[in-house]
Amino acid sequence: MEGNRVMKFVKMHGLGNDFVFFEDKNGSGKDFSQLAVQLCDRHTGIGADGIIVIVPSDKADVRMRIINADGSEAEMCGNGIRCFAKYVYDHQIIDKKQFTIETLAGIMKPEVIIGNDGKVSLVTINMGKPFTDRALIPMNGPAGPVVDEPINIDGAVYKITSLLMGVPHTMTYVRNVKTVDLPVLGPKFETNPLFPRKTNMNFIQVVDNKTIKFAHGNAEREQHWRVVRVLVLVLWGLISMDLQAAVLM
């Protein structure tokens, strides 16, 4: 923090993905990396998966900056932007139910539903079109979609499916998510040279065509996009788009 300056913040979470929110009218070009590391430490700081800074925008109604707990800046976050939409409406930064938010992944358009108390009770947002082409993810290698493609990690072969939906996501199927050593295995996928911008890694266990279990490889960088996991299961042919998937955490 800057000296002993008092900073007002709000702690919010979406499906357990937690963030420290604060406003900074002059924060468009600031480096928040060290502050994020300090605030997000769960032993000596507030504790969170990242910080979200509300700053002005010249392209949309408002701008969202997301800094991960490791100090890196994220393009987008599904849970984060829903929390963001509630924050800016409830704090009267925005006074309309449909508005635009500038992110590094582009302009997002949430809609808020207001409860009887005058506060946001529900946020809906179009997450956009998923891109499966390797060059767009981005991922090194031959052109085309990355679906069920083998990758060697420490001598073991995994079949992965990758796509871009705001940020890169990669999934692999496992028989039992409880047997996956997440702190060790997750970062080996995330920082693999195949992914020049890294990737958010997820391990998927399919219980039946309506139920899945998942584990994410790096809790601090993973953005918890449930919709991405469902899309990949559709690509794998394990569920159909007209069915609801119950995600067990």
C-alpha atoms as a PDB file:
ATOM      1  CA  MET A   1       0.000   0.000   0.000  1.00  0.00           C
ATOM      2  CA  GLU A   2       1.021   3.623  -0.392  1.00  0.00           C
ATOM      3  CA  GLY A   3       2.498   4.551   2.991  1.00  0.00           C
ATOM      4  CA  ASN A   4      -0.087   4.296   5.752  1.00  0.00           C
ATOM      5  CA  ARG A   5      -2.984   5.335   3.546  1.00  0.00           C
ATOM      6  CA  VAL A   6      -6.337   3.870   4.602  1.00  0.00           C
ATOM      7  CA  MET A   7      -7.949   1.956   1.768  1.00  0.00           C
ATOM      8  CA  LYS A   8     -11.661   1.182   1.694  1.00  0.00           C
ATOM      9  CA  PHE A   9     -12.440  -2.221   0.234  1.00  0.00           C
ATOM     10  CA  VAL A  10     -15.212  -4.776  -0.122  1.00  0.00           C
ATOM     11  CA  LYS A  11     -14.710  -8.557  -0.067  1.00  0.00           C
ATOM     12  CA  MET A  12     -16.985 -10.480  -2.463  1.00  0.00           C
ATOM     13  CA  HIS A  13     -17.137 -13.961  -3.922  1.00  0.00           C
ATOM     14  CA  GLY A  14     -18.869 -15.743  -6.786  1.00  0.00           C
ATOM     15  CA  LEU A  15     -19.226 -19.518  -6.328  1.00  0.00           C
ATOM     16  CA  GLY A  16     -16.338 -19.406  -3.870  1.00  0.00           C
ATOM     17  CA  ASN A  17     -14.050 -17.427  -6.207  1.00  0.00           C
ATOM     18  CA  ASP A  18     -13.232 -14.500  -3.869  1.00  0.00           C
ATOM     19  CA  PHE A  19     -11.957 -11.001  -4.576  1.00  0.00           C
ATOM     20  CA  VAL A  20     -10.991  -7.781  -2.836  1.00  0.00           C
ATOM     21  CA  PHE A  21     -12.774  -4.853  -4.516  1.00  0.00           C
ATOM     22  CA  PHE A  22     -11.812  -1.204  -4.371  1.00  0.00           C
ATOM     23  CA  GLU A  23     -12.215   1.919  -6.486  1.00  0.00           C
ATOM     24  CA  ASP A  24      -9.430   4.003  -7.977  1.00  0.00           C
ATOM     25  CA  LYS A  25     -10.341   6.856 -10.314  1.00  0.00           C
ATOM     26  CA  ASN A  26      -6.681   7.146 -11.305  1.00  0.00           C
ATOM     27  CA  GLY A  27      -6.048   3.406 -11.540  1.00  0.00           C
ATOM     28  CA  SER A  28      -6.130   2.893 -15.305  1.00  0.00           C
ATOM     29  CA  GLY A  29      -2.363   2.726 -15.684  1.00  0.00           C
ATOM     30  CA  LYS A  30      -1.199   1.821 -12.186  1.00  0.00           C
ATOM     31  CA  ASP A  31       0.806  -1.286 -11.367  1.00  0.00           C
ATOM     32  CA  PHE A  32      -1.219  -3.183  -8.751  1.00  0.00           C
ATOM     33  CA  SER A  33       0.845  -6.377  -8.857  1.00  0.00           C
ATOM     34  CA  GLN A  34       2.619  -5.985  -5.510  1.00  0.00           C
ATOM     35  CA  LEU A  35      -0.533  -4.760  -3.801  1.00  0.00           C
ATOM     36  CA  ALA A  36      -2.407  -7.817  -5.074  1.00  0.00           C
ATOM     37  CA  VAL A  37       0.225 -10.173  -3.689  1.00  0.00           C
ATOM     38  CA  GLN A  38       0.042  -8.465  -0.289  1.00  0.00           C
ATOM     39  CA  LEU A  39      -3.739  -8.243  -0.032  1.00  0.00           C
ATOM     40  CA  CYS A  40      -4.448 -11.742  -1.339  1.00  0.00           C
ATOM     41  CA  ASP A  41      -2.130 -13.553   1.060  1.00  0.00           C
ATOM     42  CA  ARG A  42      -4.448 -15.663   3.204  1.00  0.00           C
ATOM     43  CA  HIS A  43      -2.086 -15.594   6.202  1.00  0.00           C
ATOM     44  CA  THR A  44      -0.816 -12.008   6.344  1.00  0.00           C
ATOM     45  CA  GLY A  45      -3.304 -10.160   4.114  1.00  0.00           C
ATOM     46  CA  ILE A  46      -7.046 -10.061   3.573  1.00  0.00           C
ATOM     47  CA  GLY A  47      -6.970 -13.293   1.606  1.00  0.00           C
ATOM     48  CA  ALA A  48      -8.455 -13.668  -1.883  1.00  0.00           C
ATOM     49  CA  ASP A  49      -7.993 -15.196  -5.327  1.00  0.00           C
ATOM     50  CA  GLY A  50      -7.374 -11.711  -6.703  1.00  0.00           C
ATOM     51  CA  ILE A  51      -8.142  -8.017  -6.482  1.00  0.00           C
ATOM     52  CA  ILE A  52     -10.620  -6.215  -8.714  1.00  0.00           C
ATOM     53  CA  VAL A  53     -10.189  -2.496  -9.276  1.00  0.00           C
ATOM     54  CA  ILE A  54     -13.039  -0.285 -10.477  1.00  0.00           C
ATOM     55  CA  VAL A  55     -11.647   2.400 -12.787  1.00  0.00           C
ATOM     56  CA  PRO A  56     -13.159   4.838 -15.320  1.00  0.00           C
ATOM     57  CA  SER A  57     -13.380   3.862 -18.992  1.00  0.00           C
ATOM     58  CA  ASP A  58     -13.439   5.827 -22.233  1.00  0.00           C
ATOM     59  CA  LYS A  59     -14.754   2.775 -24.113  1.00  0.00           C
ATOM     60  CA  ALA A  60     -17.578   1.558 -21.860  1.00  0.00           C
ATOM     61  CA  ASP A  61     -19.638   2.623 -18.846  1.00  0.00           C
ATOM     62  CA  VAL A  62     -16.922   1.402 -16.472  1.00  0.00           C
ATOM     63  CA  ARG A  63     -13.711  -0.636 -16.531  1.00  0.00           C
ATOM     64  CA  MET A  64     -12.726  -3.727 -14.561  1.00  0.00           C
ATOM     65  CA  ARG A  65      -9.101  -4.605 -13.814  1.00  0.00           C
ATOM     66  CA  ILE A  66      -8.398  -8.051 -12.322  1.00  0.00           C
ATOM     67  CA  ILE A  67      -5.051  -8.770 -10.702  1.00  0.00           C
ATOM     68  CA  ASN A  68      -4.443 -12.369  -9.649  1.00  0.00           C
ATOM     69  CA  ALA A  69      -2.986 -13.290  -6.271  1.00  0.00           C
ATOM     70  CA  ASP A  70       0.387 -13.902  -7.938  1.00  0.00           C
ATOM     71  CA  GLY A  71       0.452 -10.337  -9.299  1.00  0.00           C
ATOM     72  CA  SER A  72      -0.390 -11.172 -12.913  1.00  0.00           C
ATOM     73  CA  GLU A  73      -3.251  -9.332 -14.612  1.00  0.00           C
ATOM     74  CA  ALA A  74      -6.137 -11.410 -15.983  1.00  0.00           C
ATOM     75  CA  GLU A  75      -8.107 -10.629 -19.110  1.00  0.00           C
ATOM     76  CA  MET A  76     -11.499 -11.620 -17.701  1.00  0.00           C
ATOM     77  CA  CYS A  77     -13.259 -13.643 -15.027  1.00  0.00           C
ATOM     78  CA  GLY A  78     -16.812 -14.954 -15.145  1.00  0.00           C
ATOM     79  CA  ASN A  79     -17.367 -14.924 -11.397  1.00  0.00           C
ATOM     80  CA  GLY A  80     -15.448 -11.694 -10.999  1.00  0.00           C
ATOM     81  CA  ILE A  81     -17.486  -9.762 -13.530  1.00  0.00           C
ATOM     82  CA  ARG A  82     -20.766 -10.844 -11.927  1.00  0.00           C
ATOM     83  CA  CYS A  83     -19.515  -9.561  -8.580  1.00  0.00           C
ATOM     84  CA  PHE A  84     -18.278  -6.433 -10.344  1.00  0.00           C
ATOM     85  CA  ALA A  85     -21.706  -5.765 -11.883  1.00  0.00           C
ATOM     86  CA  LYS A  86     -23.357  -6.045  -8.466  1.00  0.00           C
ATOM     87  CA  TYR A  87     -20.752  -3.778  -6.877  1.00  0.00           C
ATOM     88  CA  VAL A  88     -21.013  -0.923  -9.376  1.00  0.00           C
ATOM     89  CA  TYR A  89     -24.834  -0.940  -9.294  1.00  0.00           C
ATOM     90  CA  ASP A  90     -25.187  -1.294  -5.522  1.00  0.00           C
ATOM     91  CA  HIS A  91     -22.606   1.479  -4.996  1.00  0.00           C
ATOM     92  CA  GLN A  92     -24.431   3.741  -7.491  1.00  0.00           C
ATOM     93  CA  ILE A  93     -21.502   3.920  -9.895  1.00  0.00           C
ATOM     94  CA  ILE A  94     -23.946   2.652 -12.526  1.00  0.00           C
ATOM     95  CA  ASP A  95     -27.663   3.459 -12.403  1.00  0.00           C
ATOM     96  CA  LYS A  96     -28.990   1.294 -15.246  1.00  0.00           C
ATOM     97  CA  LYS A  97     -29.792  -2.408 -15.353  1.00  0.00           C
ATOM     98  CA  GLN A  98     -27.981  -3.069 -18.623  1.00  0.00           C
ATOM     99  CA  PHE A  99     -24.535  -1.568 -19.076  1.00  0.00           C
ATOM    100  CA  THR A 100     -21.079  -2.161 -20.518  1.00  0.00           C
ATOM    101  CA  ILE A 101     -17.821  -3.120 -18.816  1.00  0.00           C
ATOM    102  CA  GLU A 102     -14.395  -2.737 -20.380  1.00  0.00           C
ATOM    103  CA  THR A 103     -12.060  -5.706 -19.802  1.00  0.00           C
ATOM    104  CA  LEU A 104      -8.845  -6.905 -21.401  1.00  0.00           C
ATOM    105  CA  ALA A 105     -10.982  -9.550 -23.129  1.00  0.00           C
ATOM    106  CA  GLY A 106     -13.245  -6.898 -24.692  1.00  0.00           C
ATOM    107  CA  ILE A 107     -16.493  -5.151 -23.809  1.00  0.00           C
ATOM    108  CA  MET A 108     -18.867  -7.230 -21.665  1.00  0.00           C
ATOM    109  CA  LYS A 109     -22.590  -6.512 -21.298  1.00  0.00           C
ATOM    110  CA  PRO A 110     -24.148  -7.674 -18.028  1.00  0.00           C
ATOM    111  CA  GLU A 111     -27.743  -7.263 -16.942  1.00  0.00           C
ATOM    112  CA  VAL A 112     -28.674  -6.979 -13.275  1.00  0.00           C
ATOM    113  CA  ILE A 113     -31.890  -8.114 -11.605  1.00  0.00           C
ATOM    114  CA  ILE A 114     -32.920  -6.009  -8.624  1.00  0.00           C
ATOM    115  CA  GLY A 115     -34.386  -7.553  -5.487  1.00  0.00           C
ATOM    116  CA  ASN A 116     -37.014  -6.159  -3.130  1.00  0.00           C
ATOM    117  CA  ASP A 117     -34.298  -4.444  -1.077  1.00  0.00           C
ATOM    118  CA  GLY A 118     -33.177  -2.409  -4.076  1.00  0.00           C
ATOM    119  CA  LYS A 119     -29.894  -4.334  -4.339  1.00  0.00           C
ATOM    120  CA  VAL A 120     -28.727  -6.616  -7.124  1.00  0.00           C
ATOM    121  CA  SER A 121     -29.963 -10.155  -6.524  1.00  0.00           C
ATOM    122  CA  LEU A 122     -28.925 -11.727  -9.837  1.00  0.00           C
ATOM    123  CA  VAL A 123     -26.517 -10.942 -12.664  1.00  0.00           C
ATOM    124  CA  THR A 124     -26.689 -12.434 -16.138  1.00  0.00           C
ATOM    125  CA  ILE A 125     -24.018 -12.001 -18.785  1.00  0.00           C
ATOM    126  CA  ASN A 126     -23.340 -13.322 -22.264  1.00  0.00           C
ATOM    127  CA  MET A 127     -19.918 -14.946 -21.993  1.00  0.00           C
ATOM    128  CA  GLY A 128     -19.430 -14.706 -25.741  1.00  0.00           C
ATOM    129  CA  LYS A 129     -18.385 -17.237 -28.330  1.00  0.00           C
ATOM    130  CA  PRO A 130     -15.825 -19.919 -27.431  1.00  0.00           C
ATOM    131  CA  PHE A 131     -12.864 -20.249 -29.805  1.00  0.00           C
ATOM    132  CA  THR A 132     -11.325 -23.699 -30.285  1.00  0.00           C
ATOM    133  CA  ASP A 133      -8.783 -22.825 -32.983  1.00  0.00           C
ATOM    134  CA  ARG A 134      -5.228 -23.322 -31.747  1.00  0.00           C
ATOM    135  CA  ALA A 135      -3.957 -19.948 -32.951  1.00  0.00           C
ATOM    136  CA  LEU A 136      -6.683 -18.088 -31.052  1.00  0.00           C
ATOM    137  CA  ILE A 137      -6.280 -19.920 -27.718  1.00  0.00           C
ATOM    138  CA  PRO A 138      -3.232 -19.418 -28.225  1.00  0.00           C
ATOM    139  CA  MET A 139      -1.412 -22.755 -28.312  1.00  0.00           C
ATOM    140  CA  ASN A 140       1.680 -23.752 -30.237  1.00  0.00           C
ATOM    141  CA  GLY A 141       1.413 -26.438 -32.890  1.00  0.00           C
ATOM    142  CA  PRO A 142      -0.425 -27.192 -36.141  1.00  0.00           C
ATOM    143  CA  ALA A 143      -3.555 -25.249 -37.069  1.00  0.00           C
ATOM    144  CA  GLY A 144      -7.020 -26.473 -36.122  1.00  0.00           C
ATOM    145  CA  PRO A 145      -9.095 -27.158 -33.008  1.00  0.00           C
ATOM    146  CA  VAL A 146      -7.525 -28.724 -29.926  1.00  0.00           C
ATOM    147  CA  VAL A 147      -9.908 -31.521 -28.972  1.00  0.00           C
ATOM    148  CA  ASP A 148      -8.781 -34.675 -27.157  1.00  0.00           C
ATOM    149  CA  GLU A 149      -5.150 -34.031 -28.087  1.00  0.00           C
ATOM    150  CA  PRO A 150      -2.375 -35.997 -26.323  1.00  0.00           C
ATOM    151  CA  ILE A 151       0.176 -34.159 -24.174  1.00  0.00           C
ATOM    152  CA  ASN A 152       3.078 -35.644 -22.234  1.00  0.00           C
ATOM    153  CA  ILE A 153       3.520 -34.483 -18.637  1.00  0.00           C
ATOM    154  CA  ASP A 154       6.352 -36.147 -16.693  1.00  0.00           C
ATOM    155  CA  GLY A 155       6.129 -39.271 -18.844  1.00  0.00           C
ATOM    156  CA  ALA A 156       2.354 -39.633 -18.513  1.00  0.00           C
ATOM    157  CA  VAL A 157       0.091 -38.981 -21.514  1.00  0.00           C
ATOM    158  CA  TYR A 158      -3.077 -36.945 -20.992  1.00  0.00           C
ATOM    159  CA  LYS A 159      -5.678 -36.036 -23.610  1.00  0.00           C
ATOM    160  CA  ILE A 160      -6.544 -32.366 -23.432  1.00  0.00           C
ATOM    161  CA  THR A 161      -9.150 -30.066 -24.934  1.00  0.00           C
ATOM    162  CA  SER A 162      -8.419 -26.349 -25.008  1.00  0.00           C
ATOM    163  CA  LEU A 163     -10.416 -23.264 -25.917  1.00  0.00           C
ATOM    164  CA  LEU A 164     -10.447 -19.528 -25.493  1.00  0.00           C
ATOM    165  CA  MET A 165     -13.366 -17.916 -23.720  1.00  0.00           C
ATOM    166  CA  GLY A 166     -11.968 -14.617 -22.575  1.00  0.00           C
ATOM    167  CA  VAL A 167      -8.898 -16.466 -21.268  1.00  0.00           C
ATOM    168  CA  PRO A 168      -7.342 -19.827 -22.258  1.00  0.00           C
ATOM    169  CA  HIS A 169      -8.841 -22.920 -20.632  1.00  0.00           C
ATOM    170  CA  THR A 170      -7.689 -26.525 -20.824  1.00  0.00           C
ATOM    171  CA  MET A 171      -9.491 -29.636 -19.620  1.00  0.00           C
ATOM    172  CA  THR A 172      -8.542 -33.287 -19.302  1.00  0.00           C
ATOM    173  CA  TYR A 173     -10.662 -36.276 -18.317  1.00  0.00           C
ATOM    174  CA  VAL A 174      -9.731 -38.286 -15.211  1.00  0.00           C
ATOM    175  CA  ARG A 175     -11.380 -41.263 -13.532  1.00  0.00           C
ATOM    176  CA  ASN A 176     -11.307 -39.716 -10.072  1.00  0.00           C
ATOM    177  CA  VAL A 177     -10.542 -36.050  -9.355  1.00  0.00           C
ATOM    178  CA  LYS A 178      -9.644 -36.877  -5.754  1.00  0.00           C
ATOM    179  CA  THR A 179      -6.536 -38.750  -6.905  1.00  0.00           C
ATOM    180  CA  VAL A 180      -5.120 -35.746  -8.796  1.00  0.00           C
ATOM    181  CA  ASP A 181      -2.196 -34.000  -7.069  1.00  0.00           C
ATOM    182  CA  LEU A 182      -3.403 -30.490  -7.946  1.00  0.00           C
ATOM    183  CA  PRO A 183      -0.583 -28.341  -6.476  1.00  0.00           C
ATOM    184  CA  VAL A 184       2.005 -30.380  -8.387  1.00  0.00           C
ATOM    185  CA  LEU A 185       0.237 -31.354 -11.604  1.00  0.00           C
ATOM    186  CA  GLY A 186      -1.813 -28.213 -12.250  1.00  0.00           C
ATOM    187  CA  PRO A 187       1.097 -25.782 -12.738  1.00  0.00           C
ATOM    188  CA  LYS A 188       2.857 -28.264 -15.058  1.00  0.00           C
ATOM    189  CA  PHE A 189      -0.035 -27.922 -17.499  1.00  0.00           C
ATOM    190  CA  GLU A 190      -0.501 -24.215 -16.904  1.00  0.00           C
ATOM    191  CA  THR A 191       3.118 -23.275 -17.636  1.00  0.00           C
ATOM    192  CA  ASN A 192       3.739 -25.843 -20.370  1.00  0.00           C
ATOM    193  CA  PRO A 193       5.604 -24.318 -23.364  1.00  0.00           C
ATOM    194  CA  LEU A 194       2.632 -25.238 -25.567  1.00  0.00           C
ATOM    195  CA  PHE A 195       0.742 -22.323 -23.994  1.00  0.00           C
ATOM    196  CA  PRO A 196       2.537 -18.985 -24.580  1.00  0.00           C
ATOM    197  CA  ARG A 197      -0.053 -17.152 -22.433  1.00  0.00           C
ATOM    198  CA  LYS A 198      -0.403 -20.019 -19.968  1.00  0.00           C
ATOM    199  CA  THR A 199      -3.739 -21.769 -19.467  1.00  0.00           C
ATOM    200  CA  ASN A 200      -6.296 -22.364 -16.735  1.00  0.00           C
ATOM    201  CA  MET A 201      -6.194 -26.112 -16.078  1.00  0.00           C
ATOM    202  CA  ASN A 202      -9.163 -28.262 -15.076  1.00  0.00           C
ATOM    203  CA  PHE A 203      -9.494 -31.968 -14.361  1.00  0.00           C
ATOM    204  CA  ILE A 204     -12.926 -33.412 -15.144  1.00  0.00           C
ATOM    205  CA  GLN A 205     -14.637 -36.530 -13.817  1.00  0.00           C
ATOM    206  CA  VAL A 206     -17.924 -37.440 -15.503  1.00  0.00           C
ATOM    207  CA  VAL A 207     -20.300 -39.152 -13.087  1.00  0.00           C
ATOM    208  CA  ASP A 208     -23.192 -39.436 -15.560  1.00  0.00           C
ATOM    209  CA  ASN A 209     -24.679 -37.384 -18.399  1.00  0.00           C
ATOM    210  CA  LYS A 210     -26.102 -34.875 -15.921  1.00  0.00           C
ATOM    211  CA  THR A 211     -23.387 -34.721 -13.291  1.00  0.00           C
ATOM    212  CA  ILE A 212     -19.701 -33.845 -13.349  1.00  0.00           C
ATOM    213  CA  LYS A 213     -17.000 -33.370 -10.751  1.00  0.00           C
ATOM    214  CA  PHE A 214     -14.045 -31.123 -11.389  1.00  0.00           C
ATOM    215  CA  ALA A 215     -10.852 -29.891  -9.836  1.00  0.00           C
ATOM    216  CA  HIS A 216      -8.934 -26.837 -10.982  1.00  0.00           C
ATOM    217  CA  GLY A 217      -5.184 -26.899 -11.259  1.00  0.00           C
ATOM    218  CA  ASN A 218      -4.284 -23.518  -9.779  1.00  0.00           C
ATOM    219  CA  ALA A 219      -6.751 -21.939  -7.375  1.00  0.00           C
ATOM    220  CA  GLU A 220      -5.205 -18.485  -7.643  1.00  0.00           C
ATOM    221  CA  ARG A 221      -5.367 -18.204 -11.442  1.00  0.00           C
ATOM    222  CA  GLU A 222      -8.331 -20.456 -12.244  1.00  0.00           C
ATOM    223  CA  GLN A 223     -11.384 -18.343 -13.032  1.00  0.00           C
ATOM    224  CA  HIS A 224     -13.993 -21.018 -12.288  1.00  0.00           C
ATOM    225  CA  TRP A 225     -15.914 -20.742 -15.559  1.00  0.00           C
ATOM    226  CA  ARG A 226     -18.506 -23.512 -15.179  1.00  0.00           C
ATOM    227  CA  VAL A 227     -19.812 -22.804 -18.662  1.00  0.00           C
ATOM    228  CA  VAL A 228     -16.400 -23.626 -20.178  1.00  0.00           C
ATOM    229  CA  ARG A 229     -16.378 -27.044 -18.558  1.00  0.00           C
ATOM    230  CA  VAL A 230     -19.841 -27.816 -19.904  1.00  0.00           C
ATOM    231  CA  LEU A 231     -18.811 -26.710 -23.412  1.00  0.00           C
ATOM    232  CA  VAL A 232     -15.833 -29.056 -23.336  1.00  0.00           C
ATOM    233  CA  LEU A 233     -18.004 -31.953 -22.219  1.00  0.00           C
ATOM    234  CA  VAL A 234     -20.233 -31.243 -25.208  1.00  0.00           C
ATOM    235  CA  LEU A 235     -17.161 -31.299 -27.478  1.00  0.00           C
ATOM    236  CA  TRP A 236     -16.192 -34.638 -25.963  1.00  0.00           C
ATOM    237  CA  GLY A 237     -19.704 -35.961 -26.647  1.00  0.00           C
ATOM    238  CA  LEU A 238     -20.218 -36.855 -22.988  1.00  0.00           C
ATOM    239  CA  ILE A 239     -23.250 -34.636 -22.417  1.00  0.00           C
ATOM    240  CA  SER A 240     -25.712 -32.835 -24.665  1.00  0.00           C
ATOM    241  CA  MET A 241     -26.294 -29.085 -24.629  1.00  0.00           C
ATOM    242  CA  ASP A 242     -29.977 -29.503 -23.723  1.00  0.00           C
ATOM    243  CA  LEU A 243     -29.135 -31.117 -20.380  1.00  0.00           C
ATOM    244  CA  GLN A 244     -28.228 -29.400 -17.146  1.00  0.00           C
ATOM    245  CA  ALA A 245     -24.930 -30.348 -15.566  1.00  0.00           C
ATOM    246  CA  ALA A 246     -24.728 -30.368 -11.784  1.00  0.00           C
ATOM    247  CA  VAL A 247     -21.212 -29.428 -10.767  1.00  0.00           C
ATOM    248  CA  LEU A 248     -20.009 -30.972  -7.529  1.00  0.00           C
ATOM    249  CA  MET A 249     -17.185 -29.053  -5.817  1.00  0.00           C
END
